[in-house]
């Protein structure tokens, strides 16, 4: 299992547009991808799940990938969130 812990720096938090891009990216991988915020975790391949977390700015989130392509998945998701300026 691979995991990263990142700080959400977007002033609006993890909002719909970048969340959709991240969910679409996660969906391309076979690995199980989860995002954790506070005591909750959701499947990062579900836009409804990700949006249900209501992640505000300056929040620490943890993303995990587990499966045959976990290395590629975690790297791609981190890169996409940086490109969307959600994380620094």
N, C-alpha and C. Protein backbone atom coordinates (compact mmCIF):
# COMPACT_ATOMS: atom_id res chain seq x y z
N UNK A 1 0.85 -1.19 0.00
CA UNK A 1 0.00 0.00 0.00
C UNK A 1 0.88 1.24 0.00
N UNK A 2 0.50 2.21 -0.80
CA UNK A 2 1.18 3.50 -0.87
C UNK A 2 0.23 4.54 -0.30
N UNK A 3 0.81 5.53 0.38
CA UNK A 3 -0.03 6.61 0.89
C UNK A 3 0.73 7.92 0.93
N UNK A 4 -0.03 9.00 0.80
CA UNK A 4 0.51 10.35 0.95
C UNK A 4 -0.42 11.13 1.86
N UNK A 5 0.16 12.07 2.59
CA UNK A 5 -0.62 13.00 3.40
C UNK A 5 -0.30 14.39 2.86
N UNK A 6 -1.34 15.13 2.51
CA UNK A 6 -1.15 16.43 1.87
C UNK A 6 -2.05 17.48 2.53
N UNK A 7 -1.70 18.74 2.31
CA UNK A 7 -2.47 19.86 2.83
C UNK A 7 -3.23 20.52 1.69
N UNK A 8 -4.52 20.67 1.83
CA UNK A 8 -5.35 21.33 0.82
C UNK A 8 -5.14 22.83 0.95
N UNK A 9 -4.63 23.46 -0.12
CA UNK A 9 -4.33 24.89 -0.08
C UNK A 9 -5.27 25.73 -0.93
N UNK A 10 -6.11 25.11 -1.73
CA UNK A 10 -7.08 25.88 -2.53
C UNK A 10 -7.98 26.65 -1.58
N UNK A 11 -8.18 27.96 -1.82
CA UNK A 11 -9.00 28.76 -0.91
C UNK A 11 -10.43 28.24 -0.73
N UNK A 12 -10.92 27.48 -1.71
CA UNK A 12 -12.28 26.95 -1.63
C UNK A 12 -12.28 25.52 -1.10
N UNK A 13 -11.12 24.95 -0.91
CA UNK A 13 -11.03 23.56 -0.46
C UNK A 13 -11.04 22.63 -1.66
N UNK A 14 -11.35 21.38 -1.43
CA UNK A 14 -11.43 20.40 -2.52
C UNK A 14 -12.84 20.48 -3.09
N UNK A 15 -13.01 21.36 -4.07
CA UNK A 15 -14.34 21.61 -4.64
C UNK A 15 -14.57 20.76 -5.89
N UNK A 16 -15.74 20.90 -6.48
CA UNK A 16 -16.23 19.98 -7.52
C UNK A 16 -15.31 19.82 -8.72
N UNK A 17 -14.80 20.91 -9.27
CA UNK A 17 -14.02 20.80 -10.50
C UNK A 17 -12.75 19.96 -10.30
N UNK A 18 -11.87 20.32 -9.35
CA UNK A 18 -10.67 19.48 -9.19
C UNK A 18 -10.98 18.09 -8.64
N UNK A 19 -12.04 17.99 -7.86
CA UNK A 19 -12.42 16.66 -7.34
C UNK A 19 -12.82 15.75 -8.50
N UNK A 20 -13.54 16.29 -9.48
CA UNK A 20 -13.94 15.50 -10.64
C UNK A 20 -12.73 15.03 -11.42
N UNK A 21 -11.76 15.91 -11.61
CA UNK A 21 -10.54 15.53 -12.33
C UNK A 21 -9.80 14.43 -11.58
N UNK A 22 -9.70 14.55 -10.26
CA UNK A 22 -9.02 13.54 -9.45
C UNK A 22 -9.77 12.21 -9.46
N UNK A 23 -11.09 12.26 -9.37
CA UNK A 23 -11.90 11.04 -9.41
C UNK A 23 -11.75 10.33 -10.75
N UNK A 24 -11.76 11.09 -11.83
CA UNK A 24 -11.58 10.51 -13.16
C UNK A 24 -10.21 9.85 -13.28
N UNK A 25 -9.18 10.49 -12.72
CA UNK A 25 -7.83 9.91 -12.75
C UNK A 25 -7.78 8.63 -11.94
N UNK A 26 -8.37 8.65 -10.75
CA UNK A 26 -8.36 7.46 -9.89
C UNK A 26 -9.07 6.29 -10.57
N UNK A 27 -10.11 6.60 -11.33
CA UNK A 27 -10.89 5.57 -12.00
C UNK A 27 -10.13 4.83 -13.09
N UNK A 28 -9.01 5.38 -13.54
CA UNK A 28 -8.22 4.75 -14.59
C UNK A 28 -7.32 3.64 -14.07
N UNK A 29 -7.23 3.52 -12.76
CA UNK A 29 -6.33 2.54 -12.16
C UNK A 29 -7.11 1.37 -11.56
N UNK A 30 -6.46 0.21 -11.53
CA UNK A 30 -7.09 -0.98 -10.96
C UNK A 30 -7.03 -0.97 -9.43
N UNK A 31 -6.06 -0.25 -8.88
CA UNK A 31 -5.88 -0.21 -7.42
C UNK A 31 -7.08 0.41 -6.73
N UNK A 32 -7.26 0.02 -5.47
CA UNK A 32 -8.27 0.67 -4.63
C UNK A 32 -7.67 1.98 -4.16
N UNK A 33 -8.40 3.06 -4.36
CA UNK A 33 -7.93 4.40 -3.99
C UNK A 33 -8.91 4.99 -2.99
N UNK A 34 -8.39 5.41 -1.84
CA UNK A 34 -9.25 6.00 -0.80
C UNK A 34 -8.68 7.35 -0.37
N UNK A 35 -9.60 8.22 0.04
CA UNK A 35 -9.20 9.49 0.62
C UNK A 35 -9.78 9.55 2.02
N UNK A 36 -8.94 9.99 2.97
CA UNK A 36 -9.31 10.07 4.38
C UNK A 36 -9.30 11.52 4.82
N UNK A 37 -10.38 11.93 5.50
CA UNK A 37 -10.47 13.26 6.09
C UNK A 37 -11.15 13.11 7.44
N UNK A 38 -10.48 13.59 8.47
CA UNK A 38 -10.92 13.39 9.85
C UNK A 38 -11.07 11.88 10.09
N UNK A 39 -12.20 11.41 10.55
CA UNK A 39 -12.35 9.98 10.82
C UNK A 39 -13.03 9.23 9.68
N UNK A 40 -13.28 9.92 8.57
CA UNK A 40 -14.00 9.29 7.46
C UNK A 40 -13.06 8.91 6.32
N UNK A 41 -13.42 7.85 5.61
CA UNK A 41 -12.72 7.50 4.39
C UNK A 41 -13.75 7.17 3.32
N UNK A 42 -13.43 7.53 2.08
CA UNK A 42 -14.32 7.22 0.97
C UNK A 42 -13.49 6.72 -0.21
N UNK A 43 -14.18 6.05 -1.11
CA UNK A 43 -13.57 5.59 -2.35
C UNK A 43 -13.31 6.81 -3.22
N UNK A 44 -12.07 7.02 -3.63
CA UNK A 44 -11.74 8.20 -4.42
C UNK A 44 -12.22 8.08 -5.87
N UNK A 45 -12.80 6.95 -6.21
CA UNK A 45 -13.36 6.78 -7.55
C UNK A 45 -14.83 7.21 -7.58
N UNK A 46 -15.34 7.70 -6.46
CA UNK A 46 -16.74 8.14 -6.35
C UNK A 46 -16.79 9.64 -6.09
N UNK A 47 -17.30 10.40 -7.06
CA UNK A 47 -17.39 11.85 -6.87
C UNK A 47 -18.32 12.18 -5.71
N UNK A 48 -19.40 11.44 -5.56
CA UNK A 48 -20.32 11.70 -4.45
C UNK A 48 -19.63 11.45 -3.11
N UNK A 49 -18.83 10.40 -3.05
CA UNK A 49 -18.09 10.11 -1.82
C UNK A 49 -17.11 11.22 -1.47
N UNK A 50 -16.32 11.64 -2.46
CA UNK A 50 -15.33 12.69 -2.23
C UNK A 50 -16.00 13.99 -1.83
N UNK A 51 -17.07 14.37 -2.52
CA UNK A 51 -17.76 15.62 -2.20
C UNK A 51 -18.44 15.56 -0.84
N UNK A 52 -18.85 14.36 -0.42
CA UNK A 52 -19.52 14.22 0.87
C UNK A 52 -18.59 14.54 2.05
N UNK A 53 -17.28 14.50 1.81
CA UNK A 53 -16.33 14.81 2.89
C UNK A 53 -16.31 16.31 3.19
N UNK A 54 -16.66 17.15 2.22
CA UNK A 54 -16.67 18.60 2.45
C UNK A 54 -15.33 19.13 2.92
N UNK A 55 -14.27 18.82 2.20
CA UNK A 55 -12.91 19.14 2.63
C UNK A 55 -12.62 20.63 2.41
N UNK A 56 -12.46 21.40 3.51
CA UNK A 56 -12.18 22.84 3.38
C UNK A 56 -10.68 23.11 3.20
N UNK A 57 -10.36 24.36 2.91
CA UNK A 57 -8.97 24.76 2.77
C UNK A 57 -8.21 24.56 4.09
N UNK A 58 -6.92 24.37 3.98
CA UNK A 58 -6.02 24.16 5.11
C UNK A 58 -6.32 22.87 5.87
N UNK A 59 -6.90 21.90 5.18
CA UNK A 59 -7.19 20.60 5.79
C UNK A 59 -6.14 19.59 5.35
N UNK A 60 -5.79 18.72 6.26
CA UNK A 60 -4.86 17.65 5.93
C UNK A 60 -5.69 16.42 5.53
N UNK A 61 -5.36 15.87 4.37
CA UNK A 61 -6.03 14.66 3.91
C UNK A 61 -4.98 13.59 3.63
N UNK A 62 -5.42 12.34 3.68
CA UNK A 62 -4.54 11.22 3.39
C UNK A 62 -5.15 10.45 2.23
N UNK A 63 -4.31 10.11 1.27
CA UNK A 63 -4.76 9.34 0.11
C UNK A 63 -3.97 8.04 0.09
N UNK A 64 -4.69 6.93 -0.06
CA UNK A 64 -4.02 5.63 -0.11
C UNK A 64 -4.38 4.91 -1.40
N UNK A 65 -3.44 4.14 -1.89
CA UNK A 65 -3.64 3.30 -3.07
C UNK A 65 -3.13 1.91 -2.73
N UNK A 66 -3.93 0.91 -3.05
CA UNK A 66 -3.53 -0.46 -2.80
C UNK A 66 -3.94 -1.33 -3.97
N UNK A 67 -2.95 -1.97 -4.59
CA UNK A 67 -3.24 -2.84 -5.72
C UNK A 67 -2.05 -2.94 -6.65
N UNK A 68 -2.27 -3.56 -7.79
CA UNK A 68 -1.17 -3.87 -8.70
C UNK A 68 -0.53 -2.65 -9.34
N UNK A 69 -1.25 -1.54 -9.45
CA UNK A 69 -0.67 -0.32 -10.04
C UNK A 69 -0.64 0.85 -9.05
N UNK A 70 -0.44 0.51 -7.77
CA UNK A 70 -0.51 1.53 -6.71
C UNK A 70 0.53 2.63 -6.86
N UNK A 71 1.74 2.28 -7.31
CA UNK A 71 2.79 3.30 -7.47
C UNK A 71 2.39 4.36 -8.50
N UNK A 72 1.91 3.88 -9.65
CA UNK A 72 1.49 4.80 -10.70
C UNK A 72 0.27 5.61 -10.26
N UNK A 73 -0.66 4.96 -9.57
CA UNK A 73 -1.89 5.62 -9.15
C UNK A 73 -1.60 6.77 -8.17
N UNK A 74 -0.80 6.52 -7.15
CA UNK A 74 -0.54 7.56 -6.15
C UNK A 74 0.21 8.73 -6.77
N UNK A 75 1.15 8.42 -7.66
CA UNK A 75 1.92 9.49 -8.31
C UNK A 75 1.02 10.33 -9.21
N UNK A 76 0.15 9.69 -9.96
CA UNK A 76 -0.74 10.41 -10.88
C UNK A 76 -1.72 11.29 -10.12
N UNK A 77 -2.30 10.77 -9.05
CA UNK A 77 -3.28 11.54 -8.29
C UNK A 77 -2.62 12.75 -7.62
N UNK A 78 -1.43 12.54 -7.06
CA UNK A 78 -0.72 13.66 -6.44
C UNK A 78 -0.40 14.73 -7.48
N UNK A 79 0.06 14.31 -8.65
CA UNK A 79 0.40 15.25 -9.72
C UNK A 79 -0.84 16.03 -10.19
N UNK A 80 -1.95 15.35 -10.32
CA UNK A 80 -3.19 16.01 -10.77
C UNK A 80 -3.67 17.03 -9.73
N UNK A 81 -3.61 16.67 -8.46
CA UNK A 81 -4.04 17.62 -7.42
C UNK A 81 -3.12 18.83 -7.37
N UNK A 82 -1.83 18.63 -7.63
CA UNK A 82 -0.90 19.77 -7.70
C UNK A 82 -1.20 20.63 -8.92
N UNK A 83 -1.45 19.98 -10.06
CA UNK A 83 -1.74 20.73 -11.29
C UNK A 83 -3.03 21.54 -11.16
N UNK A 84 -3.99 21.02 -10.39
CA UNK A 84 -5.25 21.72 -10.16
C UNK A 84 -5.13 22.77 -9.05
N UNK A 85 -3.93 22.88 -8.48
CA UNK A 85 -3.62 23.83 -7.40
C UNK A 85 -4.44 23.59 -6.14
N UNK A 86 -4.82 22.31 -5.92
CA UNK A 86 -5.54 21.94 -4.71
C UNK A 86 -4.56 21.73 -3.57
N UNK A 87 -3.40 21.15 -3.90
CA UNK A 87 -2.34 20.94 -2.91
C UNK A 87 -1.08 21.63 -3.41
N UNK A 88 -0.17 21.92 -2.50
CA UNK A 88 1.08 22.59 -2.88
C UNK A 88 2.15 21.58 -3.24
